[in-house]
């Protein structure tokens, strides 16, 4: 499952992304994975890191970037070290 968790469309903060991941994972049948879709143009590089971490903490298996072409060097640099363990 790949929900588009575009927090800015709902006037929510980045923490909303993690809450939506948790809610989605709880609703999914066992064995169905959730990947968080985040809207890069609405995120500063540090917020992207926060969104990825919130997604993973909320149970997302990973994150999909929309649109990847919106990633700046600063976005790539900031998010380079983010992982499930971070």
C-alpha atoms as a PDB file:
ATOM      1  CA  UNK A   1       0.000   0.000   0.000  1.00  0.00           C
ATOM      2  CA  UNK A   2       1.297   3.455  -0.873  1.00  0.00           C
ATOM      3  CA  UNK A   3      -0.759   6.234   0.714  1.00  0.00           C
ATOM      4  CA  UNK A   4       0.063   9.757  -0.410  1.00  0.00           C
ATOM      5  CA  UNK A   5       0.723  11.369   2.952  1.00  0.00           C
ATOM      6  CA  UNK A   6       0.887  14.949   1.742  1.00  0.00           C
ATOM      7  CA  UNK A   7       0.636  16.656   5.121  1.00  0.00           C
ATOM      8  CA  UNK A   8       0.634  20.160   3.683  1.00  0.00           C
ATOM      9  CA  UNK A   9      -2.534  19.430   1.659  1.00  0.00           C
ATOM     10  CA  UNK A  10      -4.338  18.885   4.993  1.00  0.00           C
ATOM     11  CA  UNK A  11      -2.637  21.755   6.853  1.00  0.00           C
ATOM     12  CA  UNK A  12      -0.946  19.250   9.152  1.00  0.00           C
ATOM     13  CA  UNK A  13       2.581  19.099  10.514  1.00  0.00           C
ATOM     14  CA  UNK A  14       5.160  16.456   9.658  1.00  0.00           C
ATOM     15  CA  UNK A  15       4.285  14.347  12.720  1.00  0.00           C
ATOM     16  CA  UNK A  16       0.896  13.687  11.079  1.00  0.00           C
ATOM     17  CA  UNK A  17       2.713  11.488   8.556  1.00  0.00           C
ATOM     18  CA  UNK A  18       3.841   9.081  11.279  1.00  0.00           C
ATOM     19  CA  UNK A  19       0.369   8.973  12.803  1.00  0.00           C
ATOM     20  CA  UNK A  20      -1.154   8.144   9.413  1.00  0.00           C
ATOM     21  CA  UNK A  21       1.413   5.386   8.883  1.00  0.00           C
ATOM     22  CA  UNK A  22       0.512   3.842  12.246  1.00  0.00           C
ATOM     23  CA  UNK A  23      -3.201   4.009  11.471  1.00  0.00           C
ATOM     24  CA  UNK A  24      -2.673   2.528   8.012  1.00  0.00           C
ATOM     25  CA  UNK A  25      -0.495  -0.344   9.224  1.00  0.00           C
ATOM     26  CA  UNK A  26      -3.101  -1.210  11.875  1.00  0.00           C
ATOM     27  CA  UNK A  27      -5.858  -1.385   9.236  1.00  0.00           C
ATOM     28  CA  UNK A  28      -3.954  -3.469   6.708  1.00  0.00           C
ATOM     29  CA  UNK A  29      -4.267  -7.242   6.567  1.00  0.00           C
ATOM     30  CA  UNK A  30      -1.263  -9.159   7.862  1.00  0.00           C
ATOM     31  CA  UNK A  31       1.507  -9.377   5.293  1.00  0.00           C
ATOM     32  CA  UNK A  32       0.517  -6.218   3.364  1.00  0.00           C
ATOM     33  CA  UNK A  33       3.269  -3.613   3.599  1.00  0.00           C
ATOM     34  CA  UNK A  34       2.802   0.139   3.757  1.00  0.00           C
ATOM     35  CA  UNK A  35       5.188   2.574   2.082  1.00  0.00           C
ATOM     36  CA  UNK A  36       4.749   6.245   2.934  1.00  0.00           C
ATOM     37  CA  UNK A  37       4.381   8.661  -0.001  1.00  0.00           C
ATOM     38  CA  UNK A  38       5.771  12.084   0.919  1.00  0.00           C
ATOM     39  CA  UNK A  39       5.479  15.311  -1.064  1.00  0.00           C
ATOM     40  CA  UNK A  40       9.013  16.681  -1.330  1.00  0.00           C
ATOM     41  CA  UNK A  41       8.141  20.247  -2.481  1.00  0.00           C
ATOM     42  CA  UNK A  42       6.402  20.831   0.873  1.00  0.00           C
ATOM     43  CA  UNK A  43       9.452  19.761   2.888  1.00  0.00           C
ATOM     44  CA  UNK A  44      12.667  21.529   3.763  1.00  0.00           C
ATOM     45  CA  UNK A  45      15.637  19.128   3.910  1.00  0.00           C
ATOM     46  CA  UNK A  46      15.444  18.755   7.711  1.00  0.00           C
ATOM     47  CA  UNK A  47      11.683  18.173   7.463  1.00  0.00           C
ATOM     48  CA  UNK A  48      12.258  15.436   4.895  1.00  0.00           C
ATOM     49  CA  UNK A  49      14.470  13.645   7.402  1.00  0.00           C
ATOM     50  CA  UNK A  50      11.754  14.097  10.033  1.00  0.00           C
ATOM     51  CA  UNK A  51       9.099  12.757   7.611  1.00  0.00           C
ATOM     52  CA  UNK A  52      11.167   9.667   6.784  1.00  0.00           C
ATOM     53  CA  UNK A  53      11.853   8.946  10.447  1.00  0.00           C
ATOM     54  CA  UNK A  54       8.197   9.494  11.373  1.00  0.00           C
ATOM     55  CA  UNK A  55       7.141   7.131   8.563  1.00  0.00           C
ATOM     56  CA  UNK A  56       9.499   4.380   9.679  1.00  0.00           C
ATOM     57  CA  UNK A  57       8.597   4.853  13.350  1.00  0.00           C
ATOM     58  CA  UNK A  58       4.939   4.599  12.323  1.00  0.00           C
ATOM     59  CA  UNK A  59       5.542   1.194  10.792  1.00  0.00           C
ATOM     60  CA  UNK A  60       6.100   2.073   7.139  1.00  0.00           C
ATOM     61  CA  UNK A  61       8.375  -0.358   5.320  1.00  0.00           C
ATOM     62  CA  UNK A  62       9.888   2.548   3.386  1.00  0.00           C
ATOM     63  CA  UNK A  63       9.229   5.918   1.784  1.00  0.00           C
ATOM     64  CA  UNK A  64       8.448   7.003  -1.759  1.00  0.00           C
ATOM     65  CA  UNK A  65       9.401  10.536  -2.802  1.00  0.00           C
ATOM     66  CA  UNK A  66       7.005  12.616  -4.921  1.00  0.00           C
ATOM     67  CA  UNK A  67       8.384  13.929  -6.988  1.00  0.00           C
ATOM     68  CA  UNK A  68      11.958  12.725  -6.861  1.00  0.00           C
ATOM     69  CA  UNK A  69      12.840  15.487  -9.334  1.00  0.00           C
ATOM     70  CA  UNK A  70      12.029  17.964  -6.568  1.00  0.00           C
ATOM     71  CA  UNK A  71      14.918  16.710  -4.469  1.00  0.00           C
ATOM     72  CA  UNK A  72      17.668  19.294  -4.163  1.00  0.00           C
ATOM     73  CA  UNK A  73      21.272  18.539  -3.261  1.00  0.00           C
ATOM     74  CA  UNK A  74      20.380  19.675   0.262  1.00  0.00           C
ATOM     75  CA  UNK A  75      17.500  17.151   0.405  1.00  0.00           C
ATOM     76  CA  UNK A  76      19.761  14.318  -0.788  1.00  0.00           C
ATOM     77  CA  UNK A  77      22.534  15.291   1.634  1.00  0.00           C
ATOM     78  CA  UNK A  78      20.211  15.581   4.619  1.00  0.00           C
ATOM     79  CA  UNK A  79      18.479  12.273   3.966  1.00  0.00           C
ATOM     80  CA  UNK A  80      21.566  10.258   2.981  1.00  0.00           C
ATOM     81  CA  UNK A  81      22.070   8.722   6.424  1.00  0.00           C
ATOM     82  CA  UNK A  82      18.455   8.129   7.379  1.00  0.00           C
ATOM     83  CA  UNK A  83      17.595   4.515   8.026  1.00  0.00           C
ATOM     84  CA  UNK A  84      15.262   2.409  10.123  1.00  0.00           C
ATOM     85  CA  UNK A  85      17.901   2.306  12.852  1.00  0.00           C
ATOM     86  CA  UNK A  86      18.482   6.075  12.983  1.00  0.00           C
END
